[in-house]
Amino acid sequence: MHPILLTIGKFKIFSFTVGPLYIYSYGAMLAAAFVFGLMLFIHEGKKVGLRTEDMLDLTIWVIILSVVGARLLYILLALGEYASDPVSALKIY
């Protein structure tokens, strides 16, 4: 699989020039997995009487906490890298 799935050239939004933008294969597959997982969750949740709104709220929290948890795990595994400059652990870009 190619690491870059799609490249969008430079374009203007209002008065700002943006680009080029890259859509990475890993991110696209991860997004597709979340969407299909949500669809399955809603389908199965309706069978047991869960409300769709509650399932969507839970999914948003799961996505947010997944990103935060992944970053915390990365920081813990690379603790020596951040020991000299702990503020750099907050740089997520």
C-alpha atoms as a PDB file:
ATOM      1  CA  MET A   1       0.000   0.000   0.000  1.00  0.00           C
ATOM      2  CA  HIS A   2       1.223   3.482  -0.766  1.00  0.00           C
ATOM      3  CA  PRO A   3       1.795   5.651   2.309  1.00  0.00           C
ATOM      4  CA  ILE A   4       0.155   8.688   0.673  1.00  0.00           C
ATOM      5  CA  LEU A   5      -3.287   7.860  -0.680  1.00  0.00           C
ATOM      6  CA  LEU A   6      -4.195  11.261  -2.119  1.00  0.00           C
ATOM      7  CA  THR A   7      -2.484  14.630  -2.622  1.00  0.00           C
ATOM      8  CA  ILE A   8      -4.487  17.836  -2.868  1.00  0.00           C
ATOM      9  CA  GLY A   9      -2.566  20.756  -4.338  1.00  0.00           C
ATOM     10  CA  LYS A  10      -2.499  24.329  -3.081  1.00  0.00           C
ATOM     11  CA  PHE A  11      -5.828  26.125  -2.807  1.00  0.00           C
ATOM     12  CA  LYS A  12      -7.231  29.265  -1.233  1.00  0.00           C
ATOM     13  CA  ILE A  13      -9.675  29.477   1.650  1.00  0.00           C
ATOM     14  CA  PHE A  14     -10.788  33.070   2.068  1.00  0.00           C
ATOM     15  CA  SER A  15      -7.461  34.908   1.842  1.00  0.00           C
ATOM     16  CA  PHE A  16      -5.246  32.067   3.088  1.00  0.00           C
ATOM     17  CA  THR A  17      -3.314  29.711   0.848  1.00  0.00           C
ATOM     18  CA  VAL A  18      -3.467  26.135   2.082  1.00  0.00           C
ATOM     19  CA  GLY A  19      -1.665  23.114   0.809  1.00  0.00           C
ATOM     20  CA  PRO A  20      -0.517  20.834  -0.393  1.00  0.00           C
ATOM     21  CA  LEU A  21      -2.609  18.472   1.733  1.00  0.00           C
ATOM     22  CA  TYR A  22      -1.821  14.786   1.992  1.00  0.00           C
ATOM     23  CA  ILE A  23      -4.316  12.044   2.809  1.00  0.00           C
ATOM     24  CA  TYR A  24      -2.317   9.172   4.288  1.00  0.00           C
ATOM     25  CA  SER A  25      -3.417   5.568   3.813  1.00  0.00           C
ATOM     26  CA  TYR A  26      -3.133   4.738   7.514  1.00  0.00           C
ATOM     27  CA  GLY A  27      -5.355   7.667   8.525  1.00  0.00           C
ATOM     28  CA  ALA A  28      -7.940   6.849   5.856  1.00  0.00           C
ATOM     29  CA  MET A  29      -8.094   3.214   6.953  1.00  0.00           C
ATOM     30  CA  LEU A  30      -8.348   4.243  10.609  1.00  0.00           C
ATOM     31  CA  ALA A  31     -11.217   6.629   9.791  1.00  0.00           C
ATOM     32  CA  ALA A  32     -12.965   3.909   7.781  1.00  0.00           C
ATOM     33  CA  ALA A  33     -12.583   1.508  10.720  1.00  0.00           C
ATOM     34  CA  PHE A  34     -14.175   4.039  13.082  1.00  0.00           C
ATOM     35  CA  VAL A  35     -17.079   4.624  10.668  1.00  0.00           C
ATOM     36  CA  PHE A  36     -17.749   0.924  10.115  1.00  0.00           C
ATOM     37  CA  GLY A  37     -17.375   0.270  13.839  1.00  0.00           C
ATOM     38  CA  LEU A  38     -19.898   3.008  14.573  1.00  0.00           C
ATOM     39  CA  MET A  39     -22.322   1.565  12.044  1.00  0.00           C
ATOM     40  CA  LEU A  40     -22.014  -1.882  13.622  1.00  0.00           C
ATOM     41  CA  PHE A  41     -22.348  -0.387  17.123  1.00  0.00           C
ATOM     42  CA  ILE A  42     -25.575   1.425  16.162  1.00  0.00           C
ATOM     43  CA  HIS A  43     -26.982  -1.657  14.426  1.00  0.00           C
ATOM     44  CA  GLU A  44     -26.308  -3.928  17.392  1.00  0.00           C
ATOM     45  CA  GLY A  45     -27.243  -1.262  19.949  1.00  0.00           C
ATOM     46  CA  LYS A  46     -30.706  -0.849  18.481  1.00  0.00           C
ATOM     47  CA  LYS A  47     -31.284  -4.589  18.988  1.00  0.00           C
ATOM     48  CA  VAL A  48     -30.819  -4.204  22.736  1.00  0.00           C
ATOM     49  CA  GLY A  49     -32.716  -0.907  23.012  1.00  0.00           C
ATOM     50  CA  LEU A  50     -29.931   1.704  23.158  1.00  0.00           C
ATOM     51  CA  ARG A  51     -30.656   5.194  21.858  1.00  0.00           C
ATOM     52  CA  THR A  52     -28.748   6.299  18.751  1.00  0.00           C
ATOM     53  CA  GLU A  53     -27.876   9.686  20.324  1.00  0.00           C
ATOM     54  CA  ASP A  54     -26.282   7.978  23.318  1.00  0.00           C
ATOM     55  CA  MET A  55     -24.239   5.705  21.090  1.00  0.00           C
ATOM     56  CA  LEU A  56     -22.998   8.682  19.011  1.00  0.00           C
ATOM     57  CA  ASP A  57     -22.042  10.559  22.199  1.00  0.00           C
ATOM     58  CA  LEU A  58     -20.127   7.531  23.457  1.00  0.00           C
ATOM     59  CA  THR A  59     -18.348   7.213  20.096  1.00  0.00           C
ATOM     60  CA  ILE A  60     -17.161  10.825  20.240  1.00  0.00           C
ATOM     61  CA  TRP A  61     -15.762  10.251  23.728  1.00  0.00           C
ATOM     62  CA  VAL A  62     -14.060   7.045  22.588  1.00  0.00           C
ATOM     63  CA  ILE A  63     -12.339   8.861  19.701  1.00  0.00           C
ATOM     64  CA  ILE A  64     -11.148  11.724  21.941  1.00  0.00           C
ATOM     65  CA  LEU A  65      -9.917   9.429  24.699  1.00  0.00           C
ATOM     66  CA  SER A  66      -8.227   7.126  22.159  1.00  0.00           C
ATOM     67  CA  VAL A  67      -6.126  10.014  20.851  1.00  0.00           C
ATOM     68  CA  VAL A  68      -5.270  11.213  24.373  1.00  0.00           C
ATOM     69  CA  GLY A  69      -4.463   7.675  25.544  1.00  0.00           C
ATOM     70  CA  ALA A  70      -2.266   6.979  22.526  1.00  0.00           C
ATOM     71  CA  ARG A  71      -0.300  10.184  23.172  1.00  0.00           C
ATOM     72  CA  LEU A  72       0.136   9.349  26.867  1.00  0.00           C
ATOM     73  CA  LEU A  73       1.385   5.860  26.008  1.00  0.00           C
ATOM     74  CA  TYR A  74       3.832   7.308  23.493  1.00  0.00           C
ATOM     75  CA  ILE A  75       5.156   9.735  26.112  1.00  0.00           C
ATOM     76  CA  LEU A  76       5.529   6.958  28.682  1.00  0.00           C
ATOM     77  CA  LEU A  77       7.390   4.720  26.233  1.00  0.00           C
ATOM     78  CA  ALA A  78       9.726   7.572  25.204  1.00  0.00           C
ATOM     79  CA  LEU A  79      10.117   9.063  28.681  1.00  0.00           C
ATOM     80  CA  GLY A  80      13.881   9.486  28.331  1.00  0.00           C
ATOM     81  CA  GLU A  81      13.329  11.656  25.283  1.00  0.00           C
ATOM     82  CA  TYR A  82      11.107  14.043  27.236  1.00  0.00           C
ATOM     83  CA  ALA A  83      13.056  14.043  30.524  1.00  0.00           C
ATOM     84  CA  SER A  84      15.238  16.994  29.546  1.00  0.00           C
ATOM     85  CA  ASP A  85      12.380  19.030  28.024  1.00  0.00           C
ATOM     86  CA  PRO A  86       8.982  17.976  29.468  1.00  0.00           C
ATOM     87  CA  VAL A  87       7.126  20.787  27.686  1.00  0.00           C
ATOM     88  CA  SER A  88       7.957  19.179  24.342  1.00  0.00           C
ATOM     89  CA  ALA A  89       5.648  16.297  25.291  1.00  0.00           C
ATOM     90  CA  LEU A  90       2.715  18.660  24.669  1.00  0.00           C
ATOM     91  CA  LYS A  91       3.740  19.202  21.047  1.00  0.00           C
ATOM     92  CA  ILE A  92       1.444  16.892  19.117  1.00  0.00           C
ATOM     93  CA  TYR A  93       2.330  17.946  15.580  1.00  0.00           C
END
